[in-house]
Each structure stands twice: as C-alpha cells, then as structure tokens.
C-alpha cells in the first residue's frame, strides 16, 4: 500500500437464486400468506441492482418505474 491508503476492489456478492430470494421473501409479513408457487413467481421477477455508496436511488415524491 502507498502512503495514500488504497482499498482493494470488493468482490461482488454472488447473485442469489430464485429459491434463495423466495426464502427471504417468505420471512416478510407482506408475503406471509403466499404459497410456495406464488413466492417463486415473485422471486423470479426480482433482479439485483448495485449502486455506488451514497448515490441517491429514489426521492420522496418522485414517480416510480413500473416494469
């Protein structure tokens, strides 16, 4: 390392599987009554998006993106 501390580039986390996403969704009260098939359907539509630390990703009052 030089006098200016350099930090190694972090390794991205592996993309979770649909099954892993469904398991996490099942823990949230909004999805508590969903059966396994419905959870899998929702999980299959999820996608991972990374943003740099401190970047504004949404602001109250802005219109959302509905895909």
Protein backbone atom coordinates (compact mmCIF):
# COMPACT_ATOMS: atom_id res chain seq x y z
CA UNK A 1 0.00 0.00 0.00
CA UNK A 2 1.17 3.51 -0.71
CA UNK A 3 1.07 6.47 1.65
CA UNK A 4 -2.42 7.06 0.34
CA UNK A 5 -4.29 4.03 1.64
CA UNK A 6 -5.66 2.04 -1.24
CA UNK A 7 -8.51 -0.31 -0.63
CA UNK A 8 -8.89 -3.45 -2.70
CA UNK A 9 -11.87 -3.54 -5.02
CA UNK A 10 -14.59 -5.54 -3.28
CA UNK A 11 -15.67 -8.78 -4.88
CA UNK A 12 -19.35 -8.63 -5.84
CA UNK A 13 -21.62 -10.95 -3.89
CA UNK A 14 -22.94 -13.88 -5.91
CA UNK A 15 -26.38 -13.38 -7.42
CA UNK A 16 -28.96 -15.14 -5.24
CA UNK A 17 -31.00 -17.95 -6.75
CA UNK A 18 -34.77 -17.74 -7.16
CA UNK A 19 -35.10 -20.21 -4.29
CA UNK A 20 -32.94 -18.03 -2.01
CA UNK A 21 -34.97 -14.95 -2.88
CA UNK A 22 -38.23 -16.83 -2.24
CA UNK A 23 -36.96 -17.91 1.20
CA UNK A 24 -36.15 -14.31 2.13
CA UNK A 25 -39.50 -13.04 0.83
CA UNK A 26 -41.31 -15.66 2.91
CA UNK A 27 -39.84 -14.08 6.06
CA UNK A 28 -41.52 -10.72 5.38
CA UNK A 29 -45.08 -10.23 6.72
CA UNK A 30 -46.38 -8.92 3.38
CA UNK A 31 -45.60 -12.31 1.79
CA UNK A 32 -46.51 -14.48 4.80
CA UNK A 33 -49.69 -15.86 3.21
CA UNK A 34 -48.15 -16.59 -0.18
CA UNK A 35 -47.78 -20.26 -1.03
CA UNK A 36 -44.51 -21.63 -2.42
CA UNK A 37 -45.64 -21.24 -6.04
CA UNK A 38 -46.61 -17.58 -5.58
CA UNK A 39 -43.35 -16.83 -3.76
CA UNK A 40 -41.41 -18.47 -6.58
CA UNK A 41 -43.30 -16.37 -9.15
CA UNK A 42 -42.49 -13.14 -7.31
CA UNK A 43 -38.88 -14.19 -6.71
CA UNK A 44 -38.39 -14.99 -10.39
CA UNK A 45 -39.29 -11.37 -11.23
CA UNK A 46 -36.74 -9.90 -8.81
CA UNK A 47 -33.43 -8.57 -10.03
CA UNK A 48 -30.36 -7.35 -8.25
CA UNK A 49 -29.15 -3.81 -8.88
CA UNK A 50 -25.98 -2.33 -7.37
CA UNK A 51 -25.39 1.36 -6.74
CA UNK A 52 -22.29 3.19 -5.54
CA UNK A 53 -22.32 4.14 -1.85
CA UNK A 54 -24.07 7.46 -1.30
CA UNK A 55 -25.83 7.54 -4.68
CA UNK A 56 -29.44 8.75 -4.49
CA UNK A 57 -31.66 5.99 -5.87
CA UNK A 58 -35.07 7.48 -5.11
CA UNK A 59 -36.61 10.56 -3.59
CA UNK A 60 -39.94 11.06 -1.90
CA UNK A 61 -42.50 12.35 -4.38
CA UNK A 62 -40.77 11.01 -7.50
CA UNK A 63 -42.70 8.72 -9.81
CA UNK A 64 -41.53 5.12 -9.72
CA UNK A 65 -40.61 2.80 -12.56
CA UNK A 66 -43.20 0.10 -13.10
CA UNK A 67 -41.99 -2.64 -15.40
